[in-house]
Amino acid sequence: MEQELKRYLEEMLNRGMPGELGIHFVVLEEGYVRTEMPIENRHTNVYGMVHGGAMYTLADTTTGFAARTYGGRVVTLNGSMNYLTGSPDTAKIYCDGRVVRHGRKTVVVSAEVYDEFGTLMANGSYTLYVLGGDQGFEQWKEGSDRK
């Protein structure tokens, strides 16, 4: 993956909800992304475990960026998660997003969510729709969108 695209995606991850949740990249390669999210009380359910919605949000974000490593803009068409186990004592969770198929109009990405101890907490599959080229990236390369 070209370095400019990598820097652009790193900046994009800091915007909106992912930035508010503290999500950041651990690995960012073409077709594969690993993210990390710190767990605070606001990310837990009534039982003190990581909330399924927090895991889903991390997986949705991760799979979207895995699809974007090929360039272009994508939106989620469908996401399905299997919640396997809770983790009441984890301070952070990780998600691995791997592109399974990269087509012209759709991208299928697998997701696996782990706690900080390496326990698989959830897995799933996401289908994303390719909107087309990324004009924002082109503007960013020209310097007009950098902050």
C-alpha atoms as a PDB file:
ATOM      1  CA  MET A   1       0.000   0.000   0.000  1.00  0.00           C
ATOM      2  CA  GLU A   2       1.364   3.419  -0.880  1.00  0.00           C
ATOM      3  CA  GLN A   3       2.537   5.524   2.067  1.00  0.00           C
ATOM      4  CA  GLU A   4       0.315   8.493   1.162  1.00  0.00           C
ATOM      5  CA  LEU A   5      -2.809   6.324   1.307  1.00  0.00           C
ATOM      6  CA  LYS A   6      -1.668   4.899   4.632  1.00  0.00           C
ATOM      7  CA  ARG A   7      -1.211   8.381   6.152  1.00  0.00           C
ATOM      8  CA  TYR A   8      -4.578   9.479   4.759  1.00  0.00           C
ATOM      9  CA  LEU A   9      -6.381   6.483   6.274  1.00  0.00           C
ATOM     10  CA  GLU A  10      -4.680   7.113   9.626  1.00  0.00           C
ATOM     11  CA  GLU A  11      -6.015  10.675   9.574  1.00  0.00           C
ATOM     12  CA  MET A  12      -9.496   9.504   8.550  1.00  0.00           C
ATOM     13  CA  LEU A  13      -9.622   7.062  11.472  1.00  0.00           C
ATOM     14  CA  ASN A  14      -9.308   9.986  13.890  1.00  0.00           C
ATOM     15  CA  ARG A  15     -12.485  11.619  12.575  1.00  0.00           C
ATOM     16  CA  GLY A  16     -16.028  11.046  13.839  1.00  0.00           C
ATOM     17  CA  MET A  17     -17.027   8.108  16.007  1.00  0.00           C
ATOM     18  CA  PRO A  18     -13.800   6.079  15.606  1.00  0.00           C
ATOM     19  CA  GLY A  19     -11.798   9.020  16.906  1.00  0.00           C
ATOM     20  CA  GLU A  20     -14.232   9.591  19.779  1.00  0.00           C
ATOM     21  CA  LEU A  21     -13.956   5.926  20.786  1.00  0.00           C
ATOM     22  CA  GLY A  22     -10.144   5.992  20.703  1.00  0.00           C
ATOM     23  CA  ILE A  23      -9.864   3.434  17.904  1.00  0.00           C
ATOM     24  CA  HIS A  24      -6.433   3.334  16.287  1.00  0.00           C
ATOM     25  CA  PHE A  25      -4.472   1.149  13.886  1.00  0.00           C
ATOM     26  CA  VAL A  26      -2.026  -1.455  15.101  1.00  0.00           C
ATOM     27  CA  VAL A  27      -1.438  -2.870  11.587  1.00  0.00           C
ATOM     28  CA  LEU A  28      -2.463  -1.256   8.297  1.00  0.00           C
ATOM     29  CA  GLU A  29      -1.634  -3.264   5.170  1.00  0.00           C
ATOM     30  CA  GLU A  30      -3.367  -3.825   1.864  1.00  0.00           C
ATOM     31  CA  GLY A  31      -6.252  -6.201   2.566  1.00  0.00           C
ATOM     32  CA  TYR A  32      -5.565  -6.482   6.319  1.00  0.00           C
ATOM     33  CA  VAL A  33      -6.123  -4.120   9.232  1.00  0.00           C
ATOM     34  CA  ARG A  34      -5.740  -4.633  12.976  1.00  0.00           C
ATOM     35  CA  THR A  35      -7.278  -2.001  15.250  1.00  0.00           C
ATOM     36  CA  GLU A  36      -7.333  -1.450  18.982  1.00  0.00           C
ATOM     37  CA  MET A  37      -9.929   0.249  21.180  1.00  0.00           C
ATOM     38  CA  PRO A  38      -9.495   1.082  24.868  1.00  0.00           C
ATOM     39  CA  ILE A  39     -12.324  -0.159  27.078  1.00  0.00           C
ATOM     40  CA  GLU A  40     -13.837   2.245  29.568  1.00  0.00           C
ATOM     41  CA  ASN A  41     -16.993   1.940  31.650  1.00  0.00           C
ATOM     42  CA  ARG A  42     -18.993   3.569  28.835  1.00  0.00           C
ATOM     43  CA  HIS A  43     -18.112   0.588  26.580  1.00  0.00           C
ATOM     44  CA  THR A  44     -19.555  -2.044  28.937  1.00  0.00           C
ATOM     45  CA  ASN A  45     -22.960  -3.638  29.363  1.00  0.00           C
ATOM     46  CA  VAL A  46     -24.928  -3.957  32.627  1.00  0.00           C
ATOM     47  CA  TYR A  47     -22.847  -7.040  33.518  1.00  0.00           C
ATOM     48  CA  GLY A  48     -19.541  -5.155  33.290  1.00  0.00           C
ATOM     49  CA  MET A  49     -18.431  -6.898  30.102  1.00  0.00           C
ATOM     50  CA  VAL A  50     -17.616  -5.259  26.780  1.00  0.00           C
ATOM     51  CA  HIS A  51     -20.912  -4.282  25.142  1.00  0.00           C
ATOM     52  CA  GLY A  52     -21.769  -6.085  21.897  1.00  0.00           C
ATOM     53  CA  GLY A  53     -22.413  -2.722  20.261  1.00  0.00           C
ATOM     54  CA  ALA A  54     -18.858  -1.620  21.064  1.00  0.00           C
ATOM     55  CA  MET A  55     -17.482  -4.796  19.482  1.00  0.00           C
ATOM     56  CA  TYR A  56     -19.742  -4.358  16.448  1.00  0.00           C
ATOM     57  CA  THR A  57     -18.660  -0.744  16.010  1.00  0.00           C
ATOM     58  CA  LEU A  58     -14.986  -1.725  16.190  1.00  0.00           C
ATOM     59  CA  ALA A  59     -15.534  -4.540  13.663  1.00  0.00           C
ATOM     60  CA  ASP A  60     -17.529  -2.309  11.305  1.00  0.00           C
ATOM     61  CA  THR A  61     -14.822   0.359  11.427  1.00  0.00           C
ATOM     62  CA  THR A  62     -12.018  -2.167  10.970  1.00  0.00           C
ATOM     63  CA  THR A  63     -13.613  -3.948   8.020  1.00  0.00           C
ATOM     64  CA  GLY A  64     -14.399  -0.658   6.324  1.00  0.00           C
ATOM     65  CA  PHE A  65     -10.800   0.450   6.556  1.00  0.00           C
ATOM     66  CA  ALA A  66      -9.548  -2.970   5.415  1.00  0.00           C
ATOM     67  CA  ALA A  67     -11.657  -2.491   2.275  1.00  0.00           C
ATOM     68  CA  ARG A  68     -10.336   1.065   1.864  1.00  0.00           C
ATOM     69  CA  THR A  69      -6.716  -0.134   1.781  1.00  0.00           C
ATOM     70  CA  TYR A  70      -7.282  -0.718  -1.944  1.00  0.00           C
ATOM     71  CA  GLY A  71      -8.309   2.923  -2.395  1.00  0.00           C
ATOM     72  CA  GLY A  72     -11.791   4.256  -2.930  1.00  0.00           C
ATOM     73  CA  ARG A  73     -14.755   4.867  -0.641  1.00  0.00           C
ATOM     74  CA  VAL A  74     -16.981   2.153   0.806  1.00  0.00           C
ATOM     75  CA  VAL A  75     -20.099   1.862   2.956  1.00  0.00           C
ATOM     76  CA  THR A  76     -21.362  -1.168   4.842  1.00  0.00           C
ATOM     77  CA  LEU A  77     -24.215  -3.028   3.139  1.00  0.00           C
ATOM     78  CA  ASN A  78     -24.464  -5.808   5.707  1.00  0.00           C
ATOM     79  CA  GLY A  79     -22.675  -6.937   8.826  1.00  0.00           C
ATOM     80  CA  SER A  80     -23.144 -10.106  10.840  1.00  0.00           C
ATOM     81  CA  MET A  81     -21.477 -10.829  14.182  1.00  0.00           C
ATOM     82  CA  ASN A  82     -21.310 -13.958  16.306  1.00  0.00           C
ATOM     83  CA  TYR A  83     -20.728 -13.118  19.972  1.00  0.00           C
ATOM     84  CA  LEU A  84     -18.700 -15.971  21.459  1.00  0.00           C
ATOM     85  CA  THR A  85     -17.676 -14.927  24.969  1.00  0.00           C
ATOM     86  CA  GLY A  86     -17.551 -11.929  27.277  1.00  0.00           C
ATOM     87  CA  SER A  87     -14.473 -10.432  28.877  1.00  0.00           C
ATOM     88  CA  PRO A  88     -15.059  -8.469  32.084  1.00  0.00           C
ATOM     89  CA  ASP A  89     -11.401  -7.733  32.821  1.00  0.00           C
ATOM     90  CA  THR A  90      -9.981  -6.466  29.537  1.00  0.00           C
ATOM     91  CA  ALA A  91      -8.658  -2.924  29.230  1.00  0.00           C
ATOM     92  CA  LYS A  92      -8.679  -3.005  25.430  1.00  0.00           C
ATOM     93  CA  ILE A  93     -10.000  -5.026  22.524  1.00  0.00           C
ATOM     94  CA  TYR A  94      -8.560  -5.695  19.094  1.00  0.00           C
ATOM     95  CA  CYS A  95     -10.140  -6.427  15.744  1.00  0.00           C
ATOM     96  CA  ASP A  96      -8.575  -8.094  12.721  1.00  0.00           C
ATOM     97  CA  GLY A  97     -10.217  -7.296   9.394  1.00  0.00           C
ATOM     98  CA  ARG A  98      -9.190  -9.406   6.388  1.00  0.00           C
ATOM     99  CA  VAL A  99     -10.456  -8.851   2.876  1.00  0.00           C
ATOM    100  CA  VAL A 100     -11.892 -12.140   1.629  1.00  0.00           C
ATOM    101  CA  ARG A 101     -12.994 -10.837  -1.769  1.00  0.00           C
ATOM    102  CA  HIS A 102     -12.365  -7.467  -3.376  1.00  0.00           C
ATOM    103  CA  GLY A 103     -14.693  -6.948  -6.312  1.00  0.00           C
ATOM    104  CA  ARG A 104     -15.486  -4.008  -8.521  1.00  0.00           C
ATOM    105  CA  LYS A 105     -18.702  -3.126  -6.631  1.00  0.00           C
ATOM    106  CA  THR A 106     -18.570  -5.117  -3.380  1.00  0.00           C
ATOM    107  CA  VAL A 107     -15.951  -6.157  -0.856  1.00  0.00           C
ATOM    108  CA  VAL A 108     -16.354  -8.992   1.657  1.00  0.00           C
ATOM    109  CA  VAL A 109     -14.285  -8.718   4.832  1.00  0.00           C
ATOM    110  CA  SER A 110     -13.996 -11.086   7.795  1.00  0.00           C
ATOM    111  CA  ALA A 111     -13.733  -9.703  11.329  1.00  0.00           C
ATOM    112  CA  GLU A 112     -12.382 -11.212  14.539  1.00  0.00           C
ATOM    113  CA  VAL A 113     -12.536  -9.381  17.869  1.00  0.00           C
ATOM    114  CA  TYR A 114     -10.121 -10.341  20.670  1.00  0.00           C
ATOM    115  CA  ASP A 115      -9.600  -9.186  24.233  1.00  0.00           C
ATOM    116  CA  GLU A 116      -6.157  -8.122  25.439  1.00  0.00           C
ATOM    117  CA  PHE A 117      -5.422 -11.709  26.510  1.00  0.00           C
ATOM    118  CA  GLY A 118      -5.956 -13.081  22.990  1.00  0.00           C
ATOM    119  CA  THR A 119      -9.373 -14.634  23.647  1.00  0.00           C
ATOM    120  CA  LEU A 120     -11.613 -14.613  20.569  1.00  0.00           C
ATOM    121  CA  MET A 121     -14.729 -12.733  21.713  1.00  0.00           C
ATOM    122  CA  ALA A 122     -16.619 -12.367  18.430  1.00  0.00           C
ATOM    123  CA  ASN A 123     -16.295 -13.026  14.726  1.00  0.00           C
ATOM    124  CA  GLY A 124     -18.250 -11.921  11.732  1.00  0.00           C
ATOM    125  CA  SER A 125     -18.511 -11.035   8.091  1.00  0.00           C
ATOM    126  CA  TYR A 126     -19.176  -7.672   6.472  1.00  0.00           C
ATOM    127  CA  THR A 127     -20.165  -6.815   2.924  1.00  0.00           C
ATOM    128  CA  LEU A 128     -19.280  -3.327   1.754  1.00  0.00           C
ATOM    129  CA  TYR A 129     -20.398  -1.424  -1.316  1.00  0.00           C
ATOM    130  CA  VAL A 130     -17.730   0.380  -3.334  1.00  0.00           C
ATOM    131  CA  LEU A 131     -18.880   3.956  -3.970  1.00  0.00           C
ATOM    132  CA  GLY A 132     -16.041   4.703  -6.337  1.00  0.00           C
ATOM    133  CA  GLY A 133     -12.888   6.770  -6.204  1.00  0.00           C
ATOM    134  CA  ASP A 134     -11.989   8.865  -3.209  1.00  0.00           C
ATOM    135  CA  GLN A 135     -11.949  12.540  -4.151  1.00  0.00           C
ATOM    136  CA  GLY A 136     -11.098  13.332  -0.519  1.00  0.00           C
ATOM    137  CA  PHE A 137      -7.860  11.397  -0.872  1.00  0.00           C
ATOM    138  CA  GLU A 138      -6.997  13.274  -4.062  1.00  0.00           C
ATOM    139  CA  GLN A 139      -7.633  16.615  -2.326  1.00  0.00           C
ATOM    140  CA  TRP A 140      -5.639  15.461   0.688  1.00  0.00           C
ATOM    141  CA  LYS A 141      -2.675  14.572  -1.540  1.00  0.00           C
ATOM    142  CA  GLU A 142      -2.807  18.087  -2.961  1.00  0.00           C
ATOM    143  CA  GLY A 143      -2.747  19.460   0.597  1.00  0.00           C
ATOM    144  CA  SER A 144      -6.172  21.128   0.595  1.00  0.00           C
ATOM    145  CA  ASP A 145      -7.749  18.727   3.127  1.00  0.00           C
ATOM    146  CA  ARG A 146      -4.910  18.433   5.681  1.00  0.00           C
ATOM    147  CA  LYS A 147      -5.498  19.915   9.109  1.00  0.00           C
END
